[in-house]
C-alpha atoms as a PDB file:
ATOM      1  CA  MET A   1     167.309  89.287 247.572  1.00  0.00           C
ATOM      2  CA  LYS A   2     167.285  85.987 249.412  1.00  0.00           C
ATOM      3  CA  ARG A   3     168.855  83.087 247.522  1.00  0.00           C
ATOM      4  CA  LYS A   4     165.614  81.030 247.662  1.00  0.00           C
ATOM      5  CA  THR A   5     163.511  83.867 246.226  1.00  0.00           C
ATOM      6  CA  PHE A   6     166.114  84.526 243.542  1.00  0.00           C
ATOM      7  CA  LEU A   7     166.134  80.895 242.417  1.00  0.00           C
ATOM      8  CA  GLN A   8     162.328  80.765 242.380  1.00  0.00           C
ATOM      9  CA  ARG A   9     162.175  83.815 240.130  1.00  0.00           C
ATOM     10  CA  ILE A  10     164.739  82.331 237.761  1.00  0.00           C
ATOM     11  CA  ALA A  11     162.719  79.107 237.599  1.00  0.00           C
ATOM     12  CA  LEU A  12     159.500  80.975 236.877  1.00  0.00           C
ATOM     13  CA  GLY A  13     161.254  83.068 234.268  1.00  0.00           C
ATOM     14  CA  GLY A  14     162.579  79.963 232.575  1.00  0.00           C
ATOM     15  CA  THR A  15     159.120  78.426 232.533  1.00  0.00           C
ATOM     16  CA  GLY A  16     157.728  81.572 230.955  1.00  0.00           C
ATOM     17  CA  MET A  17     160.376  81.485 228.227  1.00  0.00           C
ATOM     18  CA  LEU A  18     159.578  77.871 227.462  1.00  0.00           C
ATOM     19  CA  LEU A  19     155.870  78.578 227.261  1.00  0.00           C
ATOM     20  CA  ALA A  20     156.209  81.725 225.201  1.00  0.00           C
ATOM     21  CA  PRO A  21     156.555  79.994 221.810  1.00  0.00           C
ATOM     22  CA  LYS A  22     153.411  77.994 222.538  1.00  0.00           C
ATOM     23  CA  LEU A  23     151.460  81.051 223.663  1.00  0.00           C
ATOM     24  CA  MET A  24     152.469  83.023 220.568  1.00  0.00           C
ATOM     25  CA  ALA A  25     151.837  80.192 218.151  1.00  0.00           C
ATOM     26  CA  THR A  26     148.794  80.341 215.911  1.00  0.00           C
ATOM     27  CA  ASP A  27     146.872  77.170 215.186  1.00  0.00           C
ATOM     28  CA  SER A  28     144.251  77.149 212.455  1.00  0.00           C
ATOM     29  CA  PHE A  29     142.829  73.920 213.849  1.00  0.00           C
ATOM     30  CA  GLN A  30     142.098  75.479 217.256  1.00  0.00           C
ATOM     31  CA  THR A  31     138.451  76.437 217.629  1.00  0.00           C
ATOM     32  CA  VAL A  32     136.386  78.156 220.280  1.00  0.00           C
ATOM     33  CA  SER A  33     132.899  76.718 220.434  1.00  0.00           C
ATOM     34  CA  ARG A  34     129.694  77.924 222.010  1.00  0.00           C
ATOM     35  CA  LYS A  35     128.763  76.185 225.216  1.00  0.00           C
ATOM     36  CA  PRO A  36     127.445  73.617 225.912  1.00  0.00           C
ATOM     37  CA  LEU A  37     129.713  71.277 223.980  1.00  0.00           C
ATOM     38  CA  ILE A  38     130.215  67.502 223.906  1.00  0.00           C
ATOM     39  CA  LEU A  39     133.164  65.694 222.332  1.00  0.00           C
ATOM     40  CA  SER A  40     133.900  61.988 222.117  1.00  0.00           C
ATOM     41  CA  THR A  41     136.345  59.625 220.456  1.00  0.00           C
ATOM     42  CA  TRP A  42     135.763  57.579 217.303  1.00  0.00           C
ATOM     43  CA  ASP A  43     132.752  57.087 215.052  1.00  0.00           C
ATOM     44  CA  HIS A  44     130.645  55.424 217.722  1.00  0.00           C
ATOM     45  CA  GLY A  45     130.906  58.720 219.551  1.00  0.00           C
ATOM     46  CA  PHE A  46     128.480  60.335 217.112  1.00  0.00           C
ATOM     47  CA  VAL A  47     125.352  58.520 218.327  1.00  0.00           C
ATOM     48  CA  SER A  48     126.706  58.556 221.874  1.00  0.00           C
ATOM     49  CA  ASN A  49     126.947  62.344 221.673  1.00  0.00           C
ATOM     50  CA  GLU A  50     123.342  62.548 220.533  1.00  0.00           C
ATOM     51  CA  GLN A  51     122.198  60.613 223.590  1.00  0.00           C
ATOM     52  CA  ALA A  52     124.402  62.729 225.830  1.00  0.00           C
ATOM     53  CA  TRP A  53     122.964  65.913 224.353  1.00  0.00           C
ATOM     54  CA  ASN A  54     119.391  64.736 224.782  1.00  0.00           C
ATOM     55  CA  THR A  55     120.125  63.811 228.381  1.00  0.00           C
ATOM     56  CA  LEU A  56     121.681  67.216 229.009  1.00  0.00           C
ATOM     57  CA  MET A  57     118.631  68.971 227.577  1.00  0.00           C
ATOM     58  CA  THR A  58     116.408  66.911 229.885  1.00  0.00           C
ATOM     59  CA  THR A  59     118.390  66.927 233.128  1.00  0.00           C
ATOM     60  CA  ASN A  60     120.679  69.954 232.756  1.00  0.00           C
ATOM     61  CA  ASN A  61     123.346  67.720 234.311  1.00  0.00           C
ATOM     62  CA  MET A  62     126.524  67.084 232.333  1.00  0.00           C
ATOM     63  CA  LEU A  63     127.556  64.146 234.524  1.00  0.00           C
ATOM     64  CA  ASP A  64     124.283  62.406 233.634  1.00  0.00           C
ATOM     65  CA  ALA A  65     124.918  63.323 230.009  1.00  0.00           C
ATOM     66  CA  VAL A  66     128.365  61.747 229.674  1.00  0.00           C
ATOM     67  CA  GLU A  67     127.287  58.631 231.568  1.00  0.00           C
ATOM     68  CA  GLN A  68     124.221  58.060 229.416  1.00  0.00           C
ATOM     69  CA  GLY A  69     126.158  58.954 226.292  1.00  0.00           C
ATOM     70  CA  VAL A  70     128.872  56.333 226.626  1.00  0.00           C
ATOM     71  CA  ARG A  71     126.311  53.744 227.714  1.00  0.00           C
ATOM     72  CA  VAL A  72     125.105  53.785 224.090  1.00  0.00           C
ATOM     73  CA  ALA A  73     128.444  52.412 222.905  1.00  0.00           C
ATOM     74  CA  GLU A  74     128.656  50.014 225.850  1.00  0.00           C
ATOM     75  CA  SER A  75     125.244  48.531 225.029  1.00  0.00           C
ATOM     76  CA  ASP A  76     125.757  48.179 221.277  1.00  0.00           C
ATOM     77  CA  PRO A  77     126.836  44.633 220.330  1.00  0.00           C
ATOM     78  CA  LYS A  78     128.201  45.981 217.038  1.00  0.00           C
ATOM     79  CA  VAL A  79     130.841  48.008 218.889  1.00  0.00           C
ATOM     80  CA  SER A  80     133.526  45.399 219.381  1.00  0.00           C
ATOM     81  CA  SER A  81     135.772  47.453 221.642  1.00  0.00           C
ATOM     82  CA  VAL A  82     133.408  48.662 224.364  1.00  0.00           C
ATOM     83  CA  GLY A  83     131.038  46.874 226.747  1.00  0.00           C
ATOM     84  CA  TYR A  84     128.664  44.224 225.404  1.00  0.00           C
ATOM     85  CA  GLY A  85     130.164  42.790 222.231  1.00  0.00           C
ATOM     86  CA  GLY A  86     133.706  43.727 223.177  1.00  0.00           C
ATOM     87  CA  LEU A  87     136.370  41.359 221.882  1.00  0.00           C
ATOM     88  CA  PRO A  88     137.657  39.051 224.641  1.00  0.00           C
ATOM     89  CA  ASP A  89     141.082  38.408 226.077  1.00  0.00           C
ATOM     90  CA  ARG A  90     143.171  35.471 224.837  1.00  0.00           C
ATOM     91  CA  ASP A  91     141.279  33.121 227.173  1.00  0.00           C
ATOM     92  CA  GLY A  92     137.865  34.151 225.841  1.00  0.00           C
ATOM     93  CA  ASN A  93     136.836  36.464 228.709  1.00  0.00           C
ATOM     94  CA  VAL A  94     135.308  39.903 228.116  1.00  0.00           C
ATOM     95  CA  THR A  95     136.756  42.223 230.765  1.00  0.00           C
ATOM     96  CA  LEU A  96     135.851  45.888 231.004  1.00  0.00           C
ATOM     97  CA  ASP A  97     137.441  49.100 232.325  1.00  0.00           C
ATOM     98  CA  ALA A  98     135.771  52.478 232.909  1.00  0.00           C
ATOM     99  CA  CYS A  99     136.256  55.799 234.642  1.00  0.00           C
ATOM    100  CA  ILE A 100     134.064  58.862 235.273  1.00  0.00           C
ATOM    101  CA  MET A 101     134.838  62.310 236.719  1.00  0.00           C
ATOM    102  CA  ASP A 102     132.674  65.257 237.783  1.00  0.00           C
ATOM    103  CA  SER A 103     133.258  69.000 238.036  1.00  0.00           C
ATOM    104  CA  ASN A 104     134.081  68.764 241.755  1.00  0.00           C
ATOM    105  CA  GLY A 105     137.102  66.572 241.104  1.00  0.00           C
ATOM    106  CA  ASN A 106     135.400  63.362 242.202  1.00  0.00           C
ATOM    107  CA  ALA A 107     136.231  60.188 240.310  1.00  0.00           C
ATOM    108  CA  GLY A 108     135.064  56.598 240.175  1.00  0.00           C
ATOM    109  CA  ALA A 109     136.455  53.661 238.242  1.00  0.00           C
ATOM    110  CA  VAL A 110     136.220  49.926 237.699  1.00  0.00           C
ATOM    111  CA  SER A 111     138.809  47.652 236.151  1.00  0.00           C
ATOM    112  CA  TYR A 112     138.857  44.024 235.062  1.00  0.00           C
ATOM    113  CA  LEU A 113     135.056  43.902 235.481  1.00  0.00           C
ATOM    114  CA  GLN A 114     133.225  40.941 233.956  1.00  0.00           C
ATOM    115  CA  TYR A 115     129.532  40.189 233.253  1.00  0.00           C
ATOM    116  CA  ILE A 116     128.259  43.783 233.585  1.00  0.00           C
ATOM    117  CA  LYS A 117     127.206  45.507 230.359  1.00  0.00           C
ATOM    118  CA  ASN A 118     127.574  49.116 231.528  1.00  0.00           C
ATOM    119  CA  PRO A 119     130.747  49.531 233.581  1.00  0.00           C
ATOM    120  CA  ILE A 120     130.529  53.330 233.397  1.00  0.00           C
ATOM    121  CA  SER A 121     127.437  53.258 235.604  1.00  0.00           C
ATOM    122  CA  VAL A 122     129.201  51.000 238.084  1.00  0.00           C
ATOM    123  CA  ALA A 123     132.098  53.469 238.093  1.00  0.00           C
ATOM    124  CA  ARG A 124     129.687  56.282 238.937  1.00  0.00           C
ATOM    125  CA  GLN A 125     128.280  54.239 241.799  1.00  0.00           C
ATOM    126  CA  VAL A 126     131.817  53.682 243.086  1.00  0.00           C
ATOM    127  CA  MET A 127     132.332  57.460 242.995  1.00  0.00           C
ATOM    128  CA  GLU A 128     129.072  58.291 244.740  1.00  0.00           C
ATOM    129  CA  LYS A 129     128.607  55.409 247.192  1.00  0.00           C
ATOM    130  CA  THR A 130     132.072  54.396 248.360  1.00  0.00           C
ATOM    131  CA  PRO A 131     135.130  56.093 249.902  1.00  0.00           C
ATOM    132  CA  HIS A 132     137.235  54.628 247.088  1.00  0.00           C
ATOM    133  CA  ILE A 133     138.045  55.572 243.513  1.00  0.00           C
ATOM    134  CA  MET A 134     138.546  52.166 241.892  1.00  0.00           C
ATOM    135  CA  LEU A 135     137.172  48.679 242.422  1.00  0.00           C
ATOM    136  CA  SER A 136     138.546  45.768 240.423  1.00  0.00           C
ATOM    137  CA  GLY A 137     137.759  42.223 239.383  1.00  0.00           C
ATOM    138  CA  GLU A 138     135.579  40.106 241.635  1.00  0.00           C
ATOM    139  CA  GLY A 139     135.166  42.951 244.105  1.00  0.00           C
ATOM    140  CA  ALA A 140     133.852  45.269 241.388  1.00  0.00           C
ATOM    141  CA  LEU A 141     131.443  42.576 240.209  1.00  0.00           C
ATOM    142  CA  GLN A 142     130.145  41.938 243.716  1.00  0.00           C
ATOM    143  CA  PHE A 143     129.653  45.674 244.253  1.00  0.00           C
ATOM    144  CA  ALA A 144     127.733  45.928 240.979  1.00  0.00           C
ATOM    145  CA  LEU A 145     125.450  43.004 241.840  1.00  0.00           C
ATOM    146  CA  ASN A 146     124.816  44.418 245.319  1.00  0.00           C
ATOM    147  CA  ASN A 147     123.726  47.675 243.697  1.00  0.00           C
ATOM    148  CA  GLY A 148     121.200  46.173 241.323  1.00  0.00           C
ATOM    149  CA  PHE A 149     123.226  45.574 238.169  1.00  0.00           C
ATOM    150  CA  LYS A 150     122.368  42.475 236.160  1.00  0.00           C
ATOM    151  CA  LYS A 151     124.907  39.734 235.472  1.00  0.00           C
ATOM    152  CA  GLU A 152     125.051  38.924 231.751  1.00  0.00           C
ATOM    153  CA  ASP A 153     127.153  36.972 229.283  1.00  0.00           C
ATOM    154  CA  LEU A 154     128.974  39.687 227.323  1.00  0.00           C
ATOM    155  CA  LEU A 155     130.576  37.431 224.705  1.00  0.00           C
ATOM    156  CA  THR A 156     128.393  37.844 221.621  1.00  0.00           C
ATOM    157  CA  PRO A 157     128.269  35.210 218.859  1.00  0.00           C
ATOM    158  CA  GLU A 158     130.233  37.529 216.562  1.00  0.00           C
ATOM    159  CA  ALA A 159     132.939  38.140 219.160  1.00  0.00           C
ATOM    160  CA  LEU A 160     133.125  34.411 219.878  1.00  0.00           C
ATOM    161  CA  LYS A 161     133.535  33.684 216.178  1.00  0.00           C
ATOM    162  CA  ARG A 162     136.346  36.185 215.848  1.00  0.00           C
ATOM    163  CA  TRP A 163     138.090  34.851 218.962  1.00  0.00           C
ATOM    164  CA  GLU A 164     137.933  31.289 217.638  1.00  0.00           C
ATOM    165  CA  LYS A 165     139.387  32.512 214.347  1.00  0.00           C
ATOM    166  CA  TRP A 166     142.202  34.264 216.192  1.00  0.00           C
ATOM    167  CA  ARG A 167     142.995  31.093 218.161  1.00  0.00           C
ATOM    168  CA  GLU A 168     143.963  29.351 214.928  1.00  0.00           C
ATOM    169  CA  THR A 169     147.229  31.290 214.982  1.00  0.00           C
ATOM    170  CA  SER A 170     147.123  33.062 218.383  1.00  0.00           C
ATOM    171  CA  ASP A 171     149.198  35.825 216.823  1.00  0.00           C
ATOM    172  CA  TYR A 172     149.076  38.937 218.969  1.00  0.00           C
ATOM    173  CA  LYS A 173     149.943  42.398 217.739  1.00  0.00           C
ATOM    174  CA  PRO A 174     147.899  45.603 218.173  1.00  0.00           C
ATOM    175  CA  VAL A 175     146.631  46.818 214.797  1.00  0.00           C
ATOM    176  CA  ILE A 176     146.549  50.552 214.121  1.00  0.00           C
ATOM    177  CA  ASN A 177     143.010  51.965 214.010  1.00  0.00           C
ATOM    178  CA  ILE A 178     141.324  48.582 214.414  1.00  0.00           C
ATOM    179  CA  GLU A 179     139.175  47.420 217.331  1.00  0.00           C
ATOM    180  CA  ASN A 180     142.224  46.844 219.485  1.00  0.00           C
ATOM    181  CA  HIS A 181     142.004  50.405 220.775  1.00  0.00           C
ATOM    182  CA  ASP A 182     138.586  51.917 220.056  1.00  0.00           C
ATOM    183  CA  THR A 183     137.921  53.262 223.550  1.00  0.00           C
ATOM    184  CA  ILE A 184     135.137  55.799 223.859  1.00  0.00           C
ATOM    185  CA  GLY A 185     136.116  58.829 225.871  1.00  0.00           C
ATOM    186  CA  MET A 186     133.596  61.653 226.239  1.00  0.00           C
ATOM    187  CA  LEU A 187     134.187  65.228 227.426  1.00  0.00           C
ATOM    188  CA  GLY A 188     131.329  67.584 228.232  1.00  0.00           C
ATOM    189  CA  LEU A 189     131.306  71.343 228.934  1.00  0.00           C
ATOM    190  CA  ASP A 190     128.035  72.915 230.084  1.00  0.00           C
ATOM    191  CA  GLU A 191     126.807  76.468 229.552  1.00  0.00           C
ATOM    192  CA  ASN A 192     128.256  77.533 232.921  1.00  0.00           C
ATOM    193  CA  GLY A 193     131.708  76.252 232.043  1.00  0.00           C
ATOM    194  CA  ASN A 194     131.566  73.136 234.216  1.00  0.00           C
ATOM    195  CA  LEU A 195     133.032  69.888 232.974  1.00  0.00           C
ATOM    196  CA  ALA A 196     132.285  66.159 233.220  1.00  0.00           C
ATOM    197  CA  ALA A 197     133.981  63.238 231.517  1.00  0.00           C
ATOM    198  CA  ALA A 198     133.714  59.484 231.018  1.00  0.00           C
ATOM    199  CA  CYS A 199     135.852  56.771 229.460  1.00  0.00           C
ATOM    200  CA  THR A 200     135.020  53.101 228.907  1.00  0.00           C
ATOM    201  CA  THR A 201     136.489  50.156 226.992  1.00  0.00           C
ATOM    202  CA  SER A 202     136.835  46.400 226.691  1.00  0.00           C
ATOM    203  CA  GLY A 203     140.547  46.962 226.135  1.00  0.00           C
ATOM    204  CA  LEU A 204     142.938  45.348 223.731  1.00  0.00           C
ATOM    205  CA  ALA A 205     141.554  42.349 221.908  1.00  0.00           C
ATOM    206  CA  TRP A 206     143.324  39.092 222.776  1.00  0.00           C
ATOM    207  CA  LYS A 207     145.109  40.720 225.738  1.00  0.00           C
ATOM    208  CA  MET A 208     146.536  38.636 228.573  1.00  0.00           C
ATOM    209  CA  HIS A 209     143.895  37.667 231.117  1.00  0.00           C
ATOM    210  CA  GLY A 210     143.950  40.261 233.888  1.00  0.00           C
ATOM    211  CA  ARG A 211     145.398  43.084 231.792  1.00  0.00           C
ATOM    212  CA  VAL A 212     144.126  46.571 232.652  1.00  0.00           C
ATOM    213  CA  GLY A 213     144.684  49.504 230.321  1.00  0.00           C
ATOM    214  CA  ASP A 214     144.677  53.255 230.756  1.00  0.00           C
ATOM    215  CA  SER A 215     140.918  53.867 230.561  1.00  0.00           C
ATOM    216  CA  PRO A 216     140.071  53.413 234.271  1.00  0.00           C
ATOM    217  CA  ILE A 217     143.206  55.197 235.509  1.00  0.00           C
ATOM    218  CA  VAL A 218     142.727  58.806 236.582  1.00  0.00           C
ATOM    219  CA  GLY A 219     145.432  60.842 234.862  1.00  0.00           C
ATOM    220  CA  ALA A 220     146.049  58.294 232.119  1.00  0.00           C
ATOM    221  CA  GLY A 221     142.927  57.485 230.105  1.00  0.00           C
ATOM    222  CA  LEU A 222     140.969  60.391 231.552  1.00  0.00           C
ATOM    223  CA  TYR A 223     141.588  63.522 233.599  1.00  0.00           C
ATOM    224  CA  LEU A 224     139.531  66.578 234.520  1.00  0.00           C
ATOM    225  CA  ASP A 225     140.257  69.734 236.480  1.00  0.00           C
ATOM    226  CA  ASN A 226     137.285  72.066 236.468  1.00  0.00           C
ATOM    227  CA  GLU A 227     139.540  75.101 236.807  1.00  0.00           C
ATOM    228  CA  VAL A 228     141.348  74.230 233.593  1.00  0.00           C
ATOM    229  CA  GLY A 229     139.880  71.575 231.288  1.00  0.00           C
ATOM    230  CA  ALA A 230     139.689  67.871 230.556  1.00  0.00           C
ATOM    231  CA  ALA A 231     141.350  65.286 228.339  1.00  0.00           C
ATOM    232  CA  THR A 232     140.843  61.684 227.309  1.00  0.00           C
ATOM    233  CA  ALA A 233     143.017  59.157 225.528  1.00  0.00           C
ATOM    234  CA  THR A 234     142.530  56.291 223.141  1.00  0.00           C
ATOM    235  CA  GLY A 235     144.922  53.741 221.745  1.00  0.00           C
ATOM    236  CA  LYS A 236     147.587  51.585 223.332  1.00  0.00           C
ATOM    237  CA  GLY A 237     146.954  52.048 227.028  1.00  0.00           C
ATOM    238  CA  GLU A 238     150.432  51.081 228.138  1.00  0.00           C
ATOM    239  CA  ALA A 239     151.881  53.972 226.131  1.00  0.00           C
ATOM    240  CA  VAL A 240     149.475  56.442 227.735  1.00  0.00           C
ATOM    241  CA  ILE A 241     150.058  55.174 231.280  1.00  0.00           C
ATOM    242  CA  LYS A 242     153.830  55.579 230.933  1.00  0.00           C
ATOM    243  CA  GLU A 243     153.436  59.315 230.301  1.00  0.00           C
ATOM    244  CA  ALA A 244     150.429  60.036 232.593  1.00  0.00           C
ATOM    245  CA  GLY A 245     149.050  61.364 229.325  1.00  0.00           C
ATOM    246  CA  THR A 246     145.821  63.163 230.170  1.00  0.00           C
ATOM    247  CA  ALA A 247     147.011  64.592 233.497  1.00  0.00           C
ATOM    248  CA  ILE A 248     149.986  66.169 231.755  1.00  0.00           C
ATOM    249  CA  ILE A 249     147.779  67.554 228.973  1.00  0.00           C
ATOM    250  CA  VAL A 250     145.542  69.274 231.529  1.00  0.00           C
ATOM    251  CA  GLU A 251     148.592  70.587 233.366  1.00  0.00           C
ATOM    252  CA  MET A 252     149.979  72.003 230.125  1.00  0.00           C
ATOM    253  CA  MET A 253     146.656  73.764 229.541  1.00  0.00           C
ATOM    254  CA  ARG A 254     146.943  75.202 233.054  1.00  0.00           C
ATOM    255  CA  HIS A 255     150.228  76.774 231.990  1.00  0.00           C
ATOM    256  CA  GLY A 256     148.859  78.358 228.834  1.00  0.00           C
ATOM    257  CA  TYR A 257     148.892  75.686 226.149  1.00  0.00           C
ATOM    258  CA  THR A 258     145.772  75.438 224.034  1.00  0.00           C
ATOM    259  CA  PRO A 259     144.116  71.987 223.973  1.00  0.00           C
ATOM    260  CA  GLN A 260     145.506  71.401 220.484  1.00  0.00           C
ATOM    261  CA  GLN A 261     149.026  72.352 221.487  1.00  0.00           C
ATOM    262  CA  ALA A 262     148.863  70.198 224.618  1.00  0.00           C
ATOM    263  CA  CYS A 263     147.679  67.135 222.679  1.00  0.00           C
ATOM    264  CA  GLU A 264     150.433  67.602 220.126  1.00  0.00           C
ATOM    265  CA  GLU A 265     153.096  68.026 222.805  1.00  0.00           C
ATOM    266  CA  MET A 266     152.032  64.806 224.518  1.00  0.00           C
ATOM    267  CA  VAL A 267     152.207  62.863 221.251  1.00  0.00           C
ATOM    268  CA  GLN A 268     155.676  64.297 220.659  1.00  0.00           C
ATOM    269  CA  ARG A 269     156.732  63.026 224.076  1.00  0.00           C
ATOM    270  CA  ILE A 270     155.531  59.536 223.252  1.00  0.00           C
ATOM    271  CA  VAL A 271     157.430  59.600 219.960  1.00  0.00           C
ATOM    272  CA  ALA A 272     160.591  60.797 221.680  1.00  0.00           C
ATOM    273  CA  LYS A 273     160.470  58.382 224.614  1.00  0.00           C
ATOM    274  CA  GLN A 274     158.856  55.237 223.194  1.00  0.00           C
ATOM    275  CA  LYS A 275     160.915  53.904 220.333  1.00  0.00           C
ATOM    276  CA  ASP A 276     158.203  51.605 218.961  1.00  0.00           C
ATOM    277  CA  ALA A 277     155.700  54.457 218.508  1.00  0.00           C
ATOM    278  CA  GLU A 278     155.449  53.808 214.766  1.00  0.00           C
ATOM    279  CA  ASP A 279     153.926  50.399 215.536  1.00  0.00           C
ATOM    280  CA  PHE A 280     150.887  51.486 217.572  1.00  0.00           C
ATOM    281  CA  GLN A 281     148.221  54.167 217.734  1.00  0.00           C
ATOM    282  CA  VAL A 282     147.519  56.691 220.473  1.00  0.00           C
ATOM    283  CA  GLY A 283     145.166  59.652 220.201  1.00  0.00           C
ATOM    284  CA  PHE A 284     144.256  62.450 222.594  1.00  0.00           C
ATOM    285  CA  LEU A 285     141.184  64.687 222.793  1.00  0.00           C
ATOM    286  CA  ALA A 286     141.071  67.756 225.047  1.00  0.00           C
ATOM    287  CA  ILE A 287     138.903  70.751 225.914  1.00  0.00           C
ATOM    288  CA  ASN A 288     139.403  73.791 228.116  1.00  0.00           C
ATOM    289  CA  LYS A 289     137.039  75.983 230.124  1.00  0.00           C
ATOM    290  CA  GLU A 290     136.641  78.464 227.284  1.00  0.00           C
ATOM    291  CA  GLY A 291     135.352  75.833 224.881  1.00  0.00           C
ATOM    292  CA  GLN A 292     138.575  75.485 222.906  1.00  0.00           C
ATOM    293  CA  TYR A 293     139.240  71.899 221.909  1.00  0.00           C
ATOM    294  CA  GLY A 294     141.908  69.906 220.161  1.00  0.00           C
ATOM    295  CA  ALA A 295     142.885  66.413 219.064  1.00  0.00           C
ATOM    296  CA  TYR A 296     146.095  64.764 217.917  1.00  0.00           C
ATOM    297  CA  ALA A 297     147.271  61.215 217.249  1.00  0.00           C
ATOM    298  CA  LEU A 298     150.352  59.265 216.337  1.00  0.00           C
ATOM    299  CA  HIS A 299     148.891  57.989 213.062  1.00  0.00           C
ATOM    300  CA  LYS A 300     146.258  58.954 210.554  1.00  0.00           C
ATOM    301  CA  GLY A 301     142.779  57.577 211.207  1.00  0.00           C
ATOM    302  CA  PHE A 302     141.790  58.917 214.618  1.00  0.00           C
ATOM    303  CA  ARG A 303     138.360  60.527 214.394  1.00  0.00           C
ATOM    304  CA  TYR A 304     136.233  62.259 216.992  1.00  0.00           C
ATOM    305  CA  ALA A 305     132.639  63.395 217.280  1.00  0.00           C
ATOM    306  CA  TYR A 306     131.630  67.012 217.968  1.00  0.00           C
ATOM    307  CA  HIS A 307     128.187  68.115 219.191  1.00  0.00           C
ATOM    308  CA  SER A 308     127.011  71.641 219.987  1.00  0.00           C
ATOM    309  CA  GLU A 309     123.661  73.361 219.711  1.00  0.00           C
ATOM    310  CA  ALA A 310     124.357  74.309 216.113  1.00  0.00           C
ATOM    311  CA  VAL A 311     126.568  71.520 214.789  1.00  0.00           C
ATOM    312  CA  LYS A 312     127.017  67.791 215.135  1.00  0.00           C
ATOM    313  CA  GLU A 313     129.695  66.175 213.001  1.00  0.00           C
ATOM    314  CA  MET A 314     132.682  63.862 212.779  1.00  0.00           C
ATOM    315  CA  LYS A 315     136.137  65.366 212.582  1.00  0.00           C
ATOM    316  CA  ASP A 316     139.490  63.929 211.526  1.00  0.00           C
ATOM    317  CA  SER A 317     142.316  64.450 213.970  1.00  0.00           C
ATOM    318  CA  ARG A 318     145.701  65.705 212.895  1.00  0.00           C
ATOM    319  CA  HIS A 319     148.476  63.169 213.330  1.00  0.00           C
ATOM    320  CA  HIS A 320     152.230  62.951 213.746  1.00  0.00           C
ATOM    321  CA  PHE A 321     153.752  60.363 211.457  1.00  0.00           C
ATOM    322  CA  ALA A 322     151.928  61.399 208.287  1.00  0.00           C
ATOM    323  CA  ASP A 323     152.425  65.129 208.829  1.00  0.00           C
ATOM    324  CA  VAL A 324     155.548  65.059 206.669  1.00  0.00           C
ATOM    325  CA  LYS A 325     153.524  63.556 203.812  1.00  0.00           C
ATOM    326  CA  ASP A 326     150.102  65.201 204.157  1.00  0.00           C
ATOM    327  CA  THR A 327     149.255  68.822 203.419  1.00  0.00           C
ATOM    328  CA  TYR A 328     146.597  70.541 205.513  1.00  0.00           C
END
């Protein structure tokens, strides 16, 4: 046997041995759902899922569904972490990030976008009308205006009040499970097994002006491979970017991990590699082609919304740091 072939077989054998414990593991939290299926992060995902489902029933297009679904959160001034009403940066500017992906592997994104209420729709236009994947800042705004989007003041009176209160101390520290990280990421699987996904946020409250998180970055805040599955992230974007979180989750699913196992493995990597993991929140949500789904977070409190033909409900994610205390 040639040396190269021999080494390749050893490598593949080693990979199989590493995966075997995952493939043999049983997970009572792993579920196979009937298709179609829509999942999204956090409580505001519940009404967003309803809109996405209604759109899917009307258009039979999951890309339309996830876009219209997350627009609900973007347009709601009571959601202080997404779109209109999002809490500003430390200079009082509301800046938005978003990403969208379709079943063909196409992606569009905008980052550091100001004055446009629905960045997810701008991201879709970037995907469909340009040779690029991401537009940022002034260029993204100009593109949006040239394509018929309306320029608006996104700083609501409530957000302004909270920013002025924060300026009294200007103390910055992300707070676990508070608006600092309430991204909405939405994953959709249609009856034919095709996927679409969207992710949108106003980012960390009181962030430095110009900061961009994980949400618009393909492979960090969102990733989709129609042969395998999709994943989205929420929480401290810097922590997700460092690990290419969602791309790795999808790759683990390609190699036999269930969505639940892949989400848990990624959280374990963050704990092992980022020594301040106890001080921030990160959560992952994933789905594969068969309709299996999973979610896992660093800390207790991450919730996600589930919507199928038969059921629509909120679910509590499992979590790492409280696992030693909580009994499931």
